[in-house]
Amino acid sequence: MRKERPITLTINESSRSISTHEGKVWFCPFCGRIDVIKEEEPAICPLCKTPLETRDLVRLKDLSGAFIGKQVLIRATINGESGPKAIPVKFLAHCKICDMTIELNIDSEDFREILPRLFFFKETKIKDYITRLLPRGPCKSERGHKYELNAVGYLDFKFVKLQDHLEFEEE
């Protein structure tokens, strides 16, 4: 079984109809191929033989709350990007009182809901937020653990600025 991987999406440019299409399309999660859905087509990618999935192809200006929690494809032009950035995602927390050490990786499935929020925090705020996630259980002190938090792994990213692709603009 093939593992789904991050993809730079490529639209099948040989199909002129995809550039003006909106709505459901076939999407290959392995190679990134996108095609207009036709009834007679089998749901198998002709390039890599992976089962295709249906996704919504939307204009940037049509994004709304209706798409929350759904995977969508956006036909847009990148017109700017930030410089490289990084946020800490792997931490070692050491209790100065009882000498307990905890490794915490917020890039894991357990913290899928938390990670997106942290992209907009400064590193000191991230550490404060992460400290609240650590166990509070019994310690040698009545006040509980006193953690020293050290970042040991980072996630690199960039912010991109998008605009609707010109082929999507209404005339």
N, C-alpha and C. Protein backbone atom coordinates (compact mmCIF):
# COMPACT_ATOMS: atom_id res chain seq x y z
N MET A 1 0.83 -1.18 0.00
CA MET A 1 0.00 0.00 0.00
C MET A 1 0.87 1.24 0.00
N ARG A 2 0.55 2.19 -0.86
CA ARG A 2 1.33 3.42 -0.95
C ARG A 2 0.94 4.39 0.14
N LYS A 3 1.93 5.10 0.63
CA LYS A 3 1.68 6.08 1.68
C LYS A 3 1.39 7.44 1.03
N GLU A 4 0.33 8.11 1.50
CA GLU A 4 0.01 9.45 1.00
C GLU A 4 1.13 10.38 1.44
N ARG A 5 1.54 11.28 0.55
CA ARG A 5 2.64 12.18 0.85
C ARG A 5 2.24 13.61 0.52
N PRO A 6 2.96 14.61 1.09
CA PRO A 6 2.66 16.00 0.73
C PRO A 6 2.89 16.20 -0.76
N ILE A 7 2.04 16.99 -1.39
CA ILE A 7 2.06 17.12 -2.85
C ILE A 7 2.04 18.58 -3.26
N THR A 8 2.79 18.89 -4.29
CA THR A 8 2.59 20.14 -5.00
C THR A 8 1.59 19.80 -6.09
N LEU A 9 0.40 20.35 -6.00
CA LEU A 9 -0.66 19.96 -6.91
C LEU A 9 -0.39 20.44 -8.32
N THR A 10 -0.65 19.57 -9.27
CA THR A 10 -0.53 19.93 -10.67
C THR A 10 -1.83 19.60 -11.36
N ILE A 11 -2.35 20.55 -12.08
CA ILE A 11 -3.58 20.31 -12.82
C ILE A 11 -3.21 19.79 -14.19
N ASN A 12 -3.96 18.81 -14.66
CA ASN A 12 -3.75 18.23 -15.97
C ASN A 12 -4.04 19.30 -17.02
N GLU A 13 -3.01 20.02 -17.45
CA GLU A 13 -3.20 21.15 -18.36
C GLU A 13 -3.63 20.71 -19.77
N SER A 14 -3.45 19.45 -20.10
CA SER A 14 -3.91 19.01 -21.42
C SER A 14 -5.44 19.02 -21.50
N SER A 15 -6.08 18.99 -20.36
CA SER A 15 -7.53 19.07 -20.32
C SER A 15 -7.94 20.51 -20.09
N ARG A 16 -8.31 21.20 -21.14
CA ARG A 16 -8.66 22.62 -21.06
C ARG A 16 -9.88 22.85 -20.18
N SER A 17 -10.74 21.87 -20.05
CA SER A 17 -11.96 22.05 -19.28
C SER A 17 -11.70 22.20 -17.79
N ILE A 18 -10.56 21.70 -17.28
CA ILE A 18 -10.29 21.80 -15.84
C ILE A 18 -10.03 23.24 -15.44
N SER A 19 -9.51 24.08 -16.32
CA SER A 19 -9.16 25.45 -15.96
C SER A 19 -10.39 26.31 -15.69
N THR A 20 -11.54 25.94 -16.19
CA THR A 20 -12.75 26.71 -15.94
C THR A 20 -13.76 25.93 -15.11
N HIS A 21 -13.40 24.73 -14.71
CA HIS A 21 -14.31 23.86 -13.96
C HIS A 21 -14.37 24.27 -12.50
N GLU A 22 -15.55 24.18 -11.90
CA GLU A 22 -15.74 24.33 -10.47
C GLU A 22 -16.55 23.14 -9.99
N GLY A 23 -16.39 22.78 -8.74
CA GLY A 23 -17.16 21.67 -8.19
C GLY A 23 -16.29 20.45 -8.00
N LYS A 24 -16.91 19.27 -8.07
CA LYS A 24 -16.20 18.02 -7.80
C LYS A 24 -15.27 17.65 -8.94
N VAL A 25 -14.08 17.17 -8.57
CA VAL A 25 -13.09 16.69 -9.54
C VAL A 25 -12.48 15.41 -8.99
N TRP A 26 -11.83 14.65 -9.87
CA TRP A 26 -11.05 13.49 -9.44
C TRP A 26 -9.70 14.02 -8.99
N PHE A 27 -9.18 13.46 -7.89
CA PHE A 27 -7.88 13.86 -7.38
C PHE A 27 -7.10 12.62 -6.98
N CYS A 28 -5.85 12.54 -7.42
CA CYS A 28 -4.98 11.42 -7.04
C CYS A 28 -4.13 11.86 -5.85
N PRO A 29 -4.29 11.24 -4.68
CA PRO A 29 -3.53 11.63 -3.50
C PRO A 29 -2.05 11.27 -3.58
N PHE A 30 -1.67 10.43 -4.55
CA PHE A 30 -0.28 10.03 -4.66
C PHE A 30 0.51 10.92 -5.61
N CYS A 31 -0.01 11.16 -6.82
CA CYS A 31 0.76 11.93 -7.81
C CYS A 31 0.23 13.35 -8.00
N GLY A 32 -0.96 13.66 -7.46
CA GLY A 32 -1.49 15.02 -7.55
C GLY A 32 -2.27 15.33 -8.82
N ARG A 33 -2.54 14.34 -9.64
CA ARG A 33 -3.29 14.56 -10.88
C ARG A 33 -4.73 14.96 -10.56
N ILE A 34 -5.23 15.93 -11.32
CA ILE A 34 -6.60 16.41 -11.16
C ILE A 34 -7.29 16.32 -12.52
N ASP A 35 -8.48 15.73 -12.55
CA ASP A 35 -9.26 15.62 -13.79
C ASP A 35 -10.72 15.90 -13.50
N VAL A 36 -11.42 16.37 -14.52
CA VAL A 36 -12.87 16.57 -14.42
C VAL A 36 -13.53 15.20 -14.34
N ILE A 37 -14.53 15.07 -13.48
CA ILE A 37 -15.23 13.81 -13.33
C ILE A 37 -16.13 13.57 -14.54
N LYS A 38 -15.98 12.40 -15.13
CA LYS A 38 -16.86 11.96 -16.20
C LYS A 38 -17.43 10.63 -15.76
N GLU A 39 -18.68 10.41 -16.02
CA GLU A 39 -19.36 9.20 -15.54
C GLU A 39 -18.66 7.91 -15.95
N GLU A 40 -18.15 7.86 -17.19
CA GLU A 40 -17.60 6.61 -17.67
C GLU A 40 -16.19 6.33 -17.19
N GLU A 41 -15.55 7.28 -16.51
CA GLU A 41 -14.18 7.08 -16.06
C GLU A 41 -14.12 6.16 -14.84
N PRO A 42 -13.18 5.23 -14.82
CA PRO A 42 -12.97 4.48 -13.58
C PRO A 42 -12.24 5.38 -12.58
N ALA A 43 -12.37 5.09 -11.31
CA ALA A 43 -11.76 5.92 -10.28
C ALA A 43 -10.34 5.45 -9.97
N ILE A 44 -9.54 5.26 -11.01
CA ILE A 44 -8.14 4.86 -10.88
C ILE A 44 -7.30 5.86 -11.67
N CYS A 45 -6.21 6.34 -11.06
CA CYS A 45 -5.33 7.30 -11.73
C CYS A 45 -4.65 6.61 -12.92
N PRO A 46 -4.73 7.22 -14.11
CA PRO A 46 -4.09 6.59 -15.27
C PRO A 46 -2.57 6.64 -15.21
N LEU A 47 -2.00 7.53 -14.39
CA LEU A 47 -0.54 7.65 -14.31
C LEU A 47 0.09 6.68 -13.31
N CYS A 48 -0.46 6.65 -12.08
CA CYS A 48 0.19 5.85 -11.04
C CYS A 48 -0.67 4.69 -10.53
N LYS A 49 -1.86 4.52 -11.11
CA LYS A 49 -2.76 3.41 -10.78
C LYS A 49 -3.24 3.43 -9.32
N THR A 50 -3.27 4.59 -8.71
CA THR A 50 -3.77 4.76 -7.34
C THR A 50 -5.26 5.09 -7.41
N PRO A 51 -6.07 4.60 -6.49
CA PRO A 51 -7.49 4.98 -6.49
C PRO A 51 -7.65 6.50 -6.35
N LEU A 52 -8.55 7.06 -7.15
CA LEU A 52 -8.80 8.49 -7.12
C LEU A 52 -9.82 8.84 -6.04
N GLU A 53 -9.75 10.06 -5.57
CA GLU A 53 -10.71 10.58 -4.60
C GLU A 53 -11.41 11.77 -5.23
N THR A 54 -12.63 12.05 -4.75
CA THR A 54 -13.30 13.27 -5.23
C THR A 54 -13.00 14.40 -4.26
N ARG A 55 -12.77 15.56 -4.82
CA ARG A 55 -12.52 16.77 -4.04
C ARG A 55 -13.27 17.92 -4.68
N ASP A 56 -13.53 18.95 -3.90
CA ASP A 56 -14.12 20.18 -4.44
C ASP A 56 -13.00 21.06 -4.97
N LEU A 57 -13.17 21.55 -6.18
CA LEU A 57 -12.25 22.51 -6.77
C LEU A 57 -12.94 23.87 -6.67
N VAL A 58 -12.37 24.77 -5.89
CA VAL A 58 -13.04 26.04 -5.61
C VAL A 58 -12.13 27.22 -5.91
N ARG A 59 -12.79 28.35 -6.16
CA ARG A 59 -12.07 29.61 -6.30
C ARG A 59 -11.74 30.12 -4.90
N LEU A 60 -10.69 30.86 -4.80
CA LEU A 60 -10.28 31.42 -3.52
C LEU A 60 -11.39 32.28 -2.93
N LYS A 61 -12.04 33.07 -3.76
CA LYS A 61 -13.09 33.96 -3.25
C LYS A 61 -14.35 33.20 -2.82
N ASP A 62 -14.48 31.93 -3.21
CA ASP A 62 -15.64 31.14 -2.84
C ASP A 62 -15.43 30.29 -1.59
N LEU A 63 -14.24 30.39 -0.97
CA LEU A 63 -14.00 29.65 0.26
C LEU A 63 -14.92 30.19 1.35
N SER A 64 -15.51 29.29 2.11
CA SER A 64 -16.42 29.70 3.16
C SER A 64 -16.41 28.65 4.26
N GLY A 65 -17.19 28.90 5.28
CA GLY A 65 -17.30 27.97 6.39
C GLY A 65 -17.84 26.61 5.97
N ALA A 66 -18.49 26.55 4.81
CA ALA A 66 -19.04 25.27 4.33
C ALA A 66 -17.93 24.25 4.07
N PHE A 67 -16.70 24.72 3.90
CA PHE A 67 -15.59 23.82 3.59
C PHE A 67 -14.77 23.45 4.82
N ILE A 68 -15.16 23.90 6.00
CA ILE A 68 -14.41 23.58 7.21
C ILE A 68 -14.42 22.07 7.42
N GLY A 69 -13.24 21.51 7.64
CA GLY A 69 -13.10 20.07 7.88
C GLY A 69 -13.04 19.25 6.61
N LYS A 70 -13.18 19.89 5.43
CA LYS A 70 -13.12 19.16 4.16
C LYS A 70 -11.79 19.45 3.48
N GLN A 71 -11.33 18.48 2.71
CA GLN A 71 -10.15 18.69 1.89
C GLN A 71 -10.62 19.25 0.56
N VAL A 72 -10.10 20.42 0.19
CA VAL A 72 -10.49 21.05 -1.06
C VAL A 72 -9.24 21.35 -1.88
N LEU A 73 -9.45 21.56 -3.16
CA LEU A 73 -8.39 22.01 -4.05
C LEU A 73 -8.70 23.44 -4.44
N ILE A 74 -7.72 24.29 -4.39
CA ILE A 74 -7.92 25.70 -4.70
C ILE A 74 -7.09 26.04 -5.93
N ARG A 75 -7.75 26.55 -6.93
CA ARG A 75 -7.06 27.01 -8.14
C ARG A 75 -6.73 28.47 -7.88
N ALA A 76 -5.46 28.76 -7.60
CA ALA A 76 -5.04 30.10 -7.24
C ALA A 76 -3.61 30.34 -7.73
N THR A 77 -3.22 31.59 -7.70
CA THR A 77 -1.87 31.99 -8.04
C THR A 77 -1.18 32.45 -6.76
N ILE A 78 0.02 31.97 -6.53
CA ILE A 78 0.80 32.45 -5.39
C ILE A 78 1.43 33.76 -5.81
N ASN A 79 1.11 34.84 -5.10
CA ASN A 79 1.67 36.14 -5.48
C ASN A 79 2.60 36.71 -4.41
N GLY A 80 2.93 35.92 -3.42
CA GLY A 80 3.89 36.35 -2.41
C GLY A 80 4.11 35.26 -1.38
N GLU A 81 5.24 35.34 -0.70
CA GLU A 81 5.53 34.39 0.35
C GLU A 81 6.41 35.05 1.39
N SER A 82 6.32 34.54 2.60
CA SER A 82 7.16 35.05 3.67
C SER A 82 8.53 34.41 3.57
N GLY A 83 9.44 34.91 4.37
CA GLY A 83 10.73 34.24 4.48
C GLY A 83 10.55 32.94 5.25
N PRO A 84 11.59 32.13 5.30
CA PRO A 84 11.48 30.87 6.04
C PRO A 84 11.19 31.12 7.52
N LYS A 85 10.33 30.31 8.08
CA LYS A 85 9.97 30.40 9.49
C LYS A 85 10.05 29.00 10.09
N ALA A 86 10.06 28.96 11.41
CA ALA A 86 10.08 27.67 12.10
C ALA A 86 9.38 27.83 13.43
N ILE A 87 8.67 26.78 13.83
CA ILE A 87 8.07 26.76 15.16
C ILE A 87 8.52 25.48 15.85
N PRO A 88 8.70 25.57 17.17
CA PRO A 88 9.09 24.35 17.90
C PRO A 88 7.92 23.37 17.97
N VAL A 89 8.20 22.11 17.73
CA VAL A 89 7.16 21.09 17.78
C VAL A 89 7.53 19.91 18.67
N LYS A 90 8.78 19.80 19.05
CA LYS A 90 9.22 18.71 19.90
C LYS A 90 9.91 19.32 21.12
N PHE A 91 9.46 18.89 22.30
CA PHE A 91 9.94 19.49 23.54
C PHE A 91 10.39 18.42 24.53
N LEU A 92 11.35 18.79 25.35
CA LEU A 92 11.72 18.01 26.51
C LEU A 92 11.36 18.85 27.72
N ALA A 93 10.52 18.30 28.59
CA ALA A 93 10.11 18.98 29.81
C ALA A 93 10.74 18.25 30.99
N HIS A 94 11.48 18.98 31.79
CA HIS A 94 12.16 18.38 32.93
C HIS A 94 11.68 19.07 34.21
N CYS A 95 11.17 18.29 35.15
CA CYS A 95 10.74 18.83 36.43
C CYS A 95 11.98 19.03 37.31
N LYS A 96 12.19 20.25 37.74
CA LYS A 96 13.35 20.58 38.56
C LYS A 96 13.24 20.00 39.97
N ILE A 97 12.04 19.66 40.39
CA ILE A 97 11.82 19.18 41.76
C ILE A 97 12.01 17.67 41.87
N CYS A 98 11.29 16.90 41.03
CA CYS A 98 11.33 15.43 41.16
C CYS A 98 12.19 14.75 40.11
N ASP A 99 12.77 15.54 39.21
CA ASP A 99 13.69 15.02 38.19
C ASP A 99 13.00 14.18 37.10
N MET A 100 11.68 14.31 36.96
CA MET A 100 10.95 13.60 35.91
C MET A 100 11.15 14.32 34.58
N THR A 101 11.32 13.55 33.49
CA THR A 101 11.48 14.13 32.16
C THR A 101 10.40 13.57 31.24
N ILE A 102 9.79 14.47 30.47
CA ILE A 102 8.73 14.09 29.52
C ILE A 102 9.11 14.61 28.15
N GLU A 103 8.96 13.76 27.14
CA GLU A 103 9.15 14.20 25.76
C GLU A 103 7.78 14.42 25.16
N LEU A 104 7.58 15.57 24.54
CA LEU A 104 6.28 15.93 23.98
C LEU A 104 6.47 16.34 22.53
N ASN A 105 5.78 15.65 21.61
CA ASN A 105 5.87 15.96 20.18
C ASN A 105 4.49 16.42 19.70
N ILE A 106 4.32 17.72 19.45
CA ILE A 106 3.01 18.22 19.04
C ILE A 106 2.79 18.10 17.54
N ASP A 107 3.76 17.51 16.83
CA ASP A 107 3.59 17.24 15.40
C ASP A 107 3.00 15.85 15.19
N SER A 108 2.50 15.24 16.26
CA SER A 108 1.93 13.89 16.17
C SER A 108 0.41 13.96 16.04
N GLU A 109 -0.20 12.83 15.77
CA GLU A 109 -1.66 12.74 15.61
C GLU A 109 -2.41 13.20 16.86
N ASP A 110 -1.85 12.98 18.03
CA ASP A 110 -2.51 13.34 19.29
C ASP A 110 -2.77 14.84 19.41
N PHE A 111 -1.95 15.64 18.75
CA PHE A 111 -2.05 17.09 18.88
C PHE A 111 -2.44 17.76 17.56
N ARG A 112 -3.12 17.04 16.69
CA ARG A 112 -3.50 17.56 15.37
C ARG A 112 -4.31 18.85 15.46
N GLU A 113 -5.15 18.98 16.49
CA GLU A 113 -5.99 20.16 16.65
C GLU A 113 -5.20 21.37 17.15
N ILE A 114 -4.12 21.13 17.88
CA ILE A 114 -3.36 22.21 18.50
C ILE A 114 -2.35 22.85 17.55
N LEU A 115 -1.68 22.05 16.76
CA LEU A 115 -0.58 22.53 15.93
C LEU A 115 -0.93 23.73 15.05
N PRO A 116 -2.05 23.74 14.32
CA PRO A 116 -2.34 24.90 13.45
C PRO A 116 -2.44 26.22 14.21
N ARG A 117 -2.88 26.19 15.46
CA ARG A 117 -2.99 27.42 16.25
C ARG A 117 -1.63 28.04 16.55
N LEU A 118 -0.61 27.21 16.65
CA LEU A 118 0.70 27.67 17.08
C LEU A 118 1.47 28.44 16.00
N PHE A 119 1.04 28.37 14.75
CA PHE A 119 1.75 29.07 13.69
C PHE A 119 1.74 30.58 13.88
N PHE A 120 0.82 31.09 14.66
CA PHE A 120 0.68 32.53 14.81
C PHE A 120 1.20 33.03 16.16
N PHE A 121 1.80 32.15 16.96
CA PHE A 121 2.33 32.54 18.27
C PHE A 121 3.84 32.75 18.18
N LYS A 122 4.35 33.60 19.06
CA LYS A 122 5.80 33.71 19.22
C LYS A 122 6.26 32.52 20.06
N GLU A 123 7.55 32.20 19.98
CA GLU A 123 8.06 30.99 20.64
C GLU A 123 7.81 31.01 22.15
N THR A 124 7.93 32.16 22.80
CA THR A 124 7.69 32.21 24.25
C THR A 124 6.24 31.88 24.58
N LYS A 125 5.30 32.35 23.77
CA LYS A 125 3.88 32.02 23.99
C LYS A 125 3.63 30.53 23.73
N ILE A 126 4.32 29.97 22.74
CA ILE A 126 4.18 28.54 22.46
C ILE A 126 4.61 27.73 23.68
N LYS A 127 5.73 28.10 24.27
CA LYS A 127 6.21 27.36 25.44
C LYS A 127 5.23 27.48 26.60
N ASP A 128 4.65 28.65 26.80
CA ASP A 128 3.63 28.81 27.85
C ASP A 128 2.43 27.90 27.59
N TYR A 129 2.00 27.85 26.33
CA TYR A 129 0.86 27.03 25.94
C TYR A 129 1.16 25.54 26.15
N ILE A 130 2.36 25.12 25.75
CA ILE A 130 2.76 23.71 25.87
C ILE A 130 2.88 23.31 27.33
N THR A 131 3.37 24.20 28.18
CA THR A 131 3.51 23.91 29.60
C THR A 131 2.17 23.55 30.22
N ARG A 132 1.09 24.18 29.74
CA ARG A 132 -0.25 23.87 30.25
C ARG A 132 -0.71 22.46 29.86
N LEU A 133 -0.11 21.88 28.83
CA LEU A 133 -0.48 20.53 28.38
C LEU A 133 0.20 19.43 29.19
N LEU A 134 1.23 19.78 29.93
CA LEU A 134 2.01 18.78 30.67
C LEU A 134 1.25 18.29 31.89
N PRO A 135 1.52 17.04 32.32
CA PRO A 135 0.81 16.47 33.47
C PRO A 135 1.08 17.27 34.75
N ARG A 136 0.07 17.35 35.56
CA ARG A 136 0.15 18.10 36.83
C ARG A 136 0.23 17.18 38.03
N GLY A 137 0.26 15.91 37.85
CA GLY A 137 0.19 14.92 38.93
C GLY A 137 1.08 15.18 40.13
N PRO A 138 1.17 14.20 41.01
CA PRO A 138 1.92 14.37 42.26
C PRO A 138 3.41 14.58 42.01
N CYS A 139 3.97 15.37 42.89
CA CYS A 139 5.40 15.68 42.83
C CYS A 139 5.89 15.77 44.28
N LYS A 140 7.16 15.95 44.49
CA LYS A 140 7.70 16.09 45.84
C LYS A 140 7.22 17.38 46.50
N SER A 141 6.82 18.35 45.69
CA SER A 141 6.34 19.63 46.20
C SER A 141 4.81 19.64 46.20
N GLU A 142 4.22 20.33 47.16
CA GLU A 142 2.76 20.45 47.20
C GLU A 142 2.24 21.26 46.01
N ARG A 143 3.04 22.15 45.51
CA ARG A 143 2.63 22.99 44.37
C ARG A 143 2.62 22.20 43.06
N GLY A 144 3.20 21.05 43.03
CA GLY A 144 3.26 20.25 41.82
C GLY A 144 4.57 20.46 41.08
N HIS A 145 4.61 19.95 39.87
CA HIS A 145 5.83 20.00 39.07
C HIS A 145 6.21 21.43 38.70
N LYS A 146 7.50 21.65 38.57
CA LYS A 146 8.02 22.92 38.06
C LYS A 146 8.88 22.55 36.85
N TYR A 147 8.26 22.67 35.65
CA TYR A 147 8.92 22.19 34.44
C TYR A 147 9.84 23.25 33.84
N GLU A 148 10.96 22.74 33.34
CA GLU A 148 11.83 23.54 32.49
C GLU A 148 11.63 22.95 31.09
N LEU A 149 11.21 23.79 30.16
CA LEU A 149 10.84 23.31 28.83
C LEU A 149 11.89 23.72 27.82
N ASN A 150 12.39 22.75 27.06
CA ASN A 150 13.38 23.03 26.02
C ASN A 150 12.88 22.48 24.69
N ALA A 151 12.92 23.32 23.66
CA ALA A 151 12.56 22.89 22.30
C ALA A 151 13.72 22.11 21.72
N VAL A 152 13.44 20.91 21.18
CA VAL A 152 14.49 20.07 20.60
C VAL A 152 14.21 19.71 19.14
N GLY A 153 13.04 20.12 18.61
CA GLY A 153 12.72 19.86 17.21
C GLY A 153 11.82 20.96 16.68
N TYR A 154 12.03 21.33 15.43
CA TYR A 154 11.30 22.44 14.81
C TYR A 154 10.64 22.01 13.51
N LEU A 155 9.59 22.71 13.14
CA LEU A 155 8.89 22.50 11.88
C LEU A 155 9.09 23.75 11.03
N ASP A 156 9.65 23.59 9.84
CA ASP A 156 9.89 24.71 8.94
C ASP A 156 8.64 24.98 8.11
N PHE A 157 8.35 26.25 7.83
CA PHE A 157 7.19 26.60 7.01
C PHE A 157 7.35 28.00 6.44
N LYS A 158 6.45 28.35 5.54
CA LYS A 158 6.35 29.71 4.98
C LYS A 158 4.87 30.05 4.88
N PHE A 159 4.56 31.32 5.00
CA PHE A 159 3.23 31.79 4.70
C PHE A 159 3.21 32.18 3.22
N VAL A 160 2.15 31.82 2.52
CA VAL A 160 2.02 32.23 1.13
C VAL A 160 0.79 33.12 0.98
N LYS A 161 0.87 34.06 0.05
CA LYS A 161 -0.26 34.93 -0.27
C LYS A 161 -0.82 34.45 -1.61
N LEU A 162 -2.12 34.26 -1.65
CA LEU A 162 -2.78 33.73 -2.84
C LEU A 162 -3.75 34.73 -3.42
N GLN A 163 -3.99 34.61 -4.71
CA GLN A 163 -5.09 35.34 -5.36
C GLN A 163 -5.74 34.39 -6.34
N ASP A 164 -7.02 34.63 -6.64
CA ASP A 164 -7.69 33.78 -7.61
C ASP A 164 -6.92 33.76 -8.91
N HIS A 165 -6.84 32.57 -9.51
CA HIS A 165 -6.18 32.43 -10.80
C HIS A 165 -7.01 33.16 -11.84
N LEU A 166 -6.37 33.85 -12.76
CA LEU A 166 -7.08 34.67 -13.72
C LEU A 166 -8.09 33.89 -14.55
N GLU A 167 -7.82 32.63 -14.83
CA GLU A 167 -8.77 31.83 -15.60
C GLU A 167 -10.08 31.63 -14.88
N PHE A 168 -10.09 31.85 -13.56
CA PHE A 168 -11.31 31.70 -12.79
C PHE A 168 -12.13 32.98 -12.73
N GLU A 169 -11.54 34.10 -13.07
CA GLU A 169 -12.25 35.37 -12.94
C GLU A 169 -13.45 35.42 -13.89
N GLU A 170 -14.55 35.96 -13.39
CA GLU A 170 -15.74 36.09 -14.22
C GLU A 170 -15.57 37.28 -15.13
N GLU A 171 -16.15 37.19 -16.31
CA GLU A 171 -16.01 38.27 -17.29
C GLU A 171 -17.15 39.25 -17.19
